[in-house]
Amino acid sequence: MRSKAVGWGWRAWVTGALLGSWVVCAVAAEPPGELLVQFMPDSTESARERALLGVQARVTQTLGPHLQRVVLAPGLSTDAAARQLRRQPGVTYAEPHAAERPLAALDDRR
């Protein structure tokens, strides 16, 4: 099986099995109201909570020591929330969470 990044500004993976069956995946639309937020290593827990409370976000998954997947309250704009979080002290980045989904399964057996 192999994986290769393709393109600029978007990512695609092409994965092949031993029998020649290929699956093509690409970044699809992000789930509504989800962000990935990276905090600085020296940020305190209370500073992180204040930053997330300011955009009405709650942590759904901790992906690393300082990286969290958060969900916003219904109706809030992910872009506006990401901009507001990026302005908070202790936040390294905040971006909409993009999900990767299979776009096609090609069978090239010959």
Protein backbone atom coordinates (compact mmCIF):
# COMPACT_ATOMS: atom_id res chain seq x y z
CA MET A 1 0.00 0.00 0.00
CA ARG A 2 1.32 3.50 -0.72
CA SER A 3 0.26 7.08 -0.09
CA LYS A 4 1.24 10.23 -1.99
CA ALA A 5 0.24 13.87 -1.46
CA VAL A 6 -0.91 15.60 -4.64
CA GLY A 7 -1.72 19.21 -5.53
CA TRP A 8 -1.24 22.62 -3.96
CA GLY A 9 -3.77 24.03 -1.50
CA TRP A 10 -5.52 20.69 -1.11
CA ARG A 11 -4.38 17.18 -0.36
CA ALA A 12 -5.27 13.90 -1.96
CA TRP A 13 -4.17 10.40 -1.14
CA VAL A 14 -4.17 7.53 -3.53
CA THR A 15 -3.99 4.18 -1.80
CA GLY A 16 -3.63 0.90 -3.68
CA ALA A 17 -4.06 -2.66 -2.53
CA LEU A 18 -2.01 -5.58 -3.83
CA LEU A 19 -4.71 -6.59 -6.32
CA GLY A 20 -4.69 -3.20 -8.05
CA SER A 21 -7.83 -1.75 -6.52
CA TRP A 22 -7.39 1.99 -5.83
CA VAL A 23 -9.23 4.36 -3.52
CA VAL A 24 -9.01 8.12 -4.09
CA CYS A 25 -9.56 10.44 -1.11
CA ALA A 26 -9.48 14.22 -0.88
CA VAL A 27 -10.30 16.89 1.64
CA ALA A 28 -14.05 17.38 1.68
CA ALA A 29 -16.13 20.10 3.27
CA GLU A 30 -15.37 20.60 6.94
CA PRO A 31 -17.90 19.41 9.50
CA PRO A 32 -20.00 22.43 10.47
CA GLY A 33 -18.87 24.16 13.62
CA GLU A 34 -15.61 22.26 14.20
CA LEU A 35 -12.16 23.79 14.65
CA LEU A 36 -8.66 22.54 15.34
CA VAL A 37 -6.97 24.79 17.90
CA GLN A 38 -3.25 24.68 18.74
CA PHE A 39 -2.18 26.36 21.97
CA MET A 40 1.33 27.48 22.91
CA PRO A 41 3.14 25.07 25.24
CA ASP A 42 3.31 27.67 28.03
CA SER A 43 -0.40 28.55 27.93
CA THR A 44 -2.28 27.75 31.13
CA GLU A 45 -5.40 25.62 31.36
CA SER A 46 -7.41 28.65 32.53
CA ALA A 47 -6.19 30.71 29.54
CA ARG A 48 -7.26 27.92 27.18
CA GLU A 49 -10.68 27.71 28.80
CA ARG A 50 -11.16 31.51 28.55
CA ALA A 51 -10.19 31.50 24.87
CA LEU A 52 -12.66 28.72 24.06
CA LEU A 53 -15.41 30.22 26.21
CA GLY A 54 -15.06 33.48 24.23
CA VAL A 55 -16.25 31.68 21.08
CA GLN A 56 -18.68 29.32 22.85
CA ALA A 57 -16.57 26.26 22.03
CA ARG A 58 -16.13 23.01 23.90
CA VAL A 59 -13.38 20.44 23.52
CA THR A 60 -14.49 17.21 21.82
CA GLN A 61 -11.07 15.61 21.42
CA THR A 62 -7.51 16.22 22.56
CA LEU A 63 -5.22 15.33 19.67
CA GLY A 64 -1.90 16.15 21.31
CA PRO A 65 -0.41 17.96 24.27
CA HIS A 66 -1.55 21.35 22.96
CA LEU A 67 -3.87 20.50 20.04
CA GLN A 68 -7.63 20.25 20.53
CA ARG A 69 -10.60 19.60 18.30
CA VAL A 70 -13.49 21.81 19.40
CA VAL A 71 -17.12 22.23 18.44
CA LEU A 72 -18.91 25.58 18.41
CA ALA A 73 -22.43 26.35 19.54
CA PRO A 74 -24.97 25.92 16.69
CA GLY A 75 -25.23 28.91 14.37
CA LEU A 76 -21.75 30.34 15.01
CA SER A 77 -19.45 30.92 12.04
CA THR A 78 -16.34 28.74 12.02
CA ASP A 79 -14.37 31.40 10.13
CA ALA A 80 -15.29 34.18 12.59
CA ALA A 81 -14.56 31.93 15.59
CA ALA A 82 -11.17 30.93 14.11
CA ARG A 83 -10.26 34.60 13.54
CA GLN A 84 -11.24 35.49 17.11
CA LEU A 85 -9.28 32.57 18.58
CA ARG A 86 -6.15 33.45 16.58
CA ARG A 87 -6.19 36.87 18.29
CA GLN A 88 -6.17 35.30 21.77
CA PRO A 89 -2.91 35.13 23.70
CA GLY A 90 -1.60 31.59 23.87
CA VAL A 91 -3.23 30.42 20.63
CA THR A 92 -0.79 29.32 17.91
CA TYR A 93 -3.46 28.63 15.29
CA ALA A 94 -7.16 27.92 14.85
CA GLU A 95 -8.50 26.46 11.61
CA PRO A 96 -11.71 24.79 10.45
CA HIS A 97 -11.47 21.01 10.83
CA ALA A 98 -11.45 19.39 7.40
CA ALA A 99 -12.60 15.79 7.07
CA GLU A 100 -11.21 13.44 4.45
CA ARG A 101 -13.70 11.21 2.73
CA PRO A 102 -13.40 8.72 -0.13
CA LEU A 103 -14.37 10.32 -3.43
CA ALA A 104 -14.07 7.25 -5.63
CA ALA A 105 -13.03 3.63 -5.63
CA LEU A 106 -11.48 2.60 -8.90
CA ASP A 107 -10.94 -1.04 -9.82
CA ASP A 108 -8.09 -1.37 -12.30
CA ARG A 109 -7.65 -5.14 -12.31
CA ARG A 110 -6.40 -6.45 -15.60
